[in-house]
C-alpha cells in the first residue's frame, strides 16, 4: 500500500513538472520546453502504468520503452536546439 502511494506521488510530480514546462512553453514558445513537457508526461504515464497494471518485475521491460521514448525526446530536443544555434551562429 505504501509503494502504491509513493508511486502515485511520483506520477503526480511528473505531471506537475509537465504542466510547469507547458506553462513555460506557452510563455516563450521555445520548443525545448514543449519537449520537456511531453517527456515528463511520458515518464508520469510510465510510472502510473507500472503501478496500475501490476506486471511482474520480470515482464516489465516492454513498459520501459515509454521511459526510453521520453529520454530520446529530450536528447532529440537538445540536438535540434544546438543545431539551430550553430546554424544561426554561422549566418
C-alpha atoms as a PDB file:
ATOM      1  CA  UNK A   1       0.000   0.000   0.000  1.00  0.00           C
ATOM      2  CA  UNK A   2       2.826   2.394   0.802  1.00  0.00           C
ATOM      3  CA  UNK A   3       4.510   1.586  -2.503  1.00  0.00           C
ATOM      4  CA  UNK A   4       1.312   2.444  -4.396  1.00  0.00           C
ATOM      5  CA  UNK A   5       1.035   5.741  -2.534  1.00  0.00           C
ATOM      6  CA  UNK A   6       4.639   6.666  -3.319  1.00  0.00           C
ATOM      7  CA  UNK A   7       4.235   5.649  -6.961  1.00  0.00           C
ATOM      8  CA  UNK A   8       1.178   7.886  -7.182  1.00  0.00           C
ATOM      9  CA  UNK A   9       3.126  10.752  -5.644  1.00  0.00           C
ATOM     10  CA  UNK A  10       5.905  10.252  -8.184  1.00  0.00           C
ATOM     11  CA  UNK A  11       3.365  10.212 -11.027  1.00  0.00           C
ATOM     12  CA  UNK A  12       1.822  13.415  -9.685  1.00  0.00           C
ATOM     13  CA  UNK A  13       5.269  15.022  -9.504  1.00  0.00           C
ATOM     14  CA  UNK A  14       5.929  14.156 -13.127  1.00  0.00           C
ATOM     15  CA  UNK A  15       2.542  15.589 -14.099  1.00  0.00           C
ATOM     16  CA  UNK A  16       3.221  18.827 -12.215  1.00  0.00           C
ATOM     17  CA  UNK A  17       6.620  19.147 -13.904  1.00  0.00           C
ATOM     18  CA  UNK A  18       4.943  18.574 -17.294  1.00  0.00           C
ATOM     19  CA  UNK A  19       2.420  21.327 -16.558  1.00  0.00           C
ATOM     20  CA  UNK A  20       5.163  23.732 -15.458  1.00  0.00           C
ATOM     21  CA  UNK A  21       7.131  23.172 -18.658  1.00  0.00           C
ATOM     22  CA  UNK A  22       3.928  23.564 -20.665  1.00  0.00           C
ATOM     23  CA  UNK A  23       3.370  26.917 -18.951  1.00  0.00           C
ATOM     24  CA  UNK A  24       6.926  27.982 -19.815  1.00  0.00           C
ATOM     25  CA  UNK A  25       6.355  26.888 -23.422  1.00  0.00           C
ATOM     26  CA  UNK A  26       3.157  28.929 -23.682  1.00  0.00           C
ATOM     27  CA  UNK A  27       5.029  31.957 -22.392  1.00  0.00           C
ATOM     28  CA  UNK A  28       8.157  31.660 -24.580  1.00  0.00           C
ATOM     29  CA  UNK A  29       7.161  29.343 -27.478  1.00  0.00           C
ATOM     30  CA  UNK A  30      10.542  27.609 -27.052  1.00  0.00           C
ATOM     31  CA  UNK A  31      10.379  24.065 -28.393  1.00  0.00           C
ATOM     32  CA  UNK A  32      12.712  22.727 -25.708  1.00  0.00           C
ATOM     33  CA  UNK A  33      10.078  23.424 -23.048  1.00  0.00           C
ATOM     34  CA  UNK A  34       7.445  21.586 -25.068  1.00  0.00           C
ATOM     35  CA  UNK A  35       9.751  18.582 -25.423  1.00  0.00           C
ATOM     36  CA  UNK A  36      10.427  18.547 -21.684  1.00  0.00           C
ATOM     37  CA  UNK A  37       6.700  18.754 -21.005  1.00  0.00           C
ATOM     38  CA  UNK A  38       5.996  15.794 -23.267  1.00  0.00           C
ATOM     39  CA  UNK A  39       8.896  13.822 -21.774  1.00  0.00           C
ATOM     40  CA  UNK A  40       7.695  14.351 -18.207  1.00  0.00           C
ATOM     41  CA  UNK A  41       4.187  13.387 -19.263  1.00  0.00           C
ATOM     42  CA  UNK A  42       5.577  10.138 -20.704  1.00  0.00           C
ATOM     43  CA  UNK A  43       7.552   9.493 -17.516  1.00  0.00           C
ATOM     44  CA  UNK A  44       4.410  10.006 -15.434  1.00  0.00           C
ATOM     45  CA  UNK A  45       2.470   7.672 -17.699  1.00  0.00           C
ATOM     46  CA  UNK A  46       5.202   5.065 -17.355  1.00  0.00           C
ATOM     47  CA  UNK A  47       5.122   5.280 -13.568  1.00  0.00           C
ATOM     48  CA  UNK A  48       1.324   5.058 -13.490  1.00  0.00           C
ATOM     49  CA  UNK A  49       1.277   2.049 -15.804  1.00  0.00           C
ATOM     50  CA  UNK A  50       3.894   0.282 -13.714  1.00  0.00           C
ATOM     51  CA  UNK A  51       1.703   0.780 -10.658  1.00  0.00           C
ATOM     52  CA  UNK A  52      -1.741   0.058 -12.050  1.00  0.00           C
ATOM     53  CA  UNK A  53      -1.009  -2.886 -14.320  1.00  0.00           C
ATOM     54  CA  UNK A  54       0.647  -4.995 -11.613  1.00  0.00           C
ATOM     55  CA  UNK A  55       3.002  -6.552 -14.157  1.00  0.00           C
ATOM     56  CA  UNK A  56       5.570  -8.859 -12.518  1.00  0.00           C
ATOM     57  CA  UNK A  57       9.097  -7.475 -12.346  1.00  0.00           C
ATOM     58  CA  UNK A  58      10.406  -9.950 -14.907  1.00  0.00           C
ATOM     59  CA  UNK A  59       7.933  -8.780 -17.569  1.00  0.00           C
ATOM     60  CA  UNK A  60       8.230  -5.006 -17.176  1.00  0.00           C
ATOM     61  CA  UNK A  61      10.788  -4.480 -19.915  1.00  0.00           C
ATOM     62  CA  UNK A  62       8.188  -3.530 -22.528  1.00  0.00           C
ATOM     63  CA  UNK A  63       6.837  -0.778 -20.268  1.00  0.00           C
ATOM     64  CA  UNK A  64      10.294   0.739 -20.020  1.00  0.00           C
ATOM     65  CA  UNK A  65      10.146   1.557 -23.726  1.00  0.00           C
ATOM     66  CA  UNK A  66       7.950   4.503 -22.715  1.00  0.00           C
ATOM     67  CA  UNK A  67      10.775   5.753 -20.485  1.00  0.00           C
ATOM     68  CA  UNK A  68      13.224   5.266 -23.348  1.00  0.00           C
ATOM     69  CA  UNK A  69      10.965   7.344 -25.605  1.00  0.00           C
ATOM     70  CA  UNK A  70      10.924  10.141 -23.018  1.00  0.00           C
ATOM     71  CA  UNK A  71      14.699  10.266 -22.764  1.00  0.00           C
ATOM     72  CA  UNK A  72      15.095  10.065 -26.536  1.00  0.00           C
ATOM     73  CA  UNK A  73      12.692  13.009 -26.853  1.00  0.00           C
ATOM     74  CA  UNK A  74      14.865  15.070 -24.505  1.00  0.00           C
ATOM     75  CA  UNK A  75      18.046  14.135 -26.382  1.00  0.00           C
ATOM     76  CA  UNK A  76      16.421  14.980 -29.717  1.00  0.00           C
ATOM     77  CA  UNK A  77      15.196  18.339 -28.404  1.00  0.00           C
ATOM     78  CA  UNK A  78      18.700  19.259 -27.231  1.00  0.00           C
ATOM     79  CA  UNK A  79      20.171  18.158 -30.551  1.00  0.00           C
ATOM     80  CA  UNK A  80      17.693  20.289 -32.518  1.00  0.00           C
ATOM     81  CA  UNK A  81      18.252  23.282 -30.236  1.00  0.00           C
ATOM     82  CA  UNK A  82      22.055  23.073 -30.533  1.00  0.00           C
ATOM     83  CA  UNK A  83      21.914  22.504 -34.275  1.00  0.00           C
ATOM     84  CA  UNK A  84      19.694  25.544 -34.736  1.00  0.00           C
ATOM     85  CA  UNK A  85      22.059  27.630 -32.577  1.00  0.00           C
ATOM     86  CA  UNK A  86      25.099  26.594 -34.624  1.00  0.00           C
ATOM     87  CA  UNK A  87      23.298  27.410 -37.902  1.00  0.00           C
ATOM     88  CA  UNK A  88      22.311  30.849 -36.553  1.00  0.00           C
ATOM     89  CA  UNK A  89      25.901  31.446 -35.472  1.00  0.00           C
ATOM     90  CA  UNK A  90      27.231  30.812 -38.983  1.00  0.00           C
ATOM     91  CA  UNK A  91      24.905  33.329 -40.604  1.00  0.00           C
END
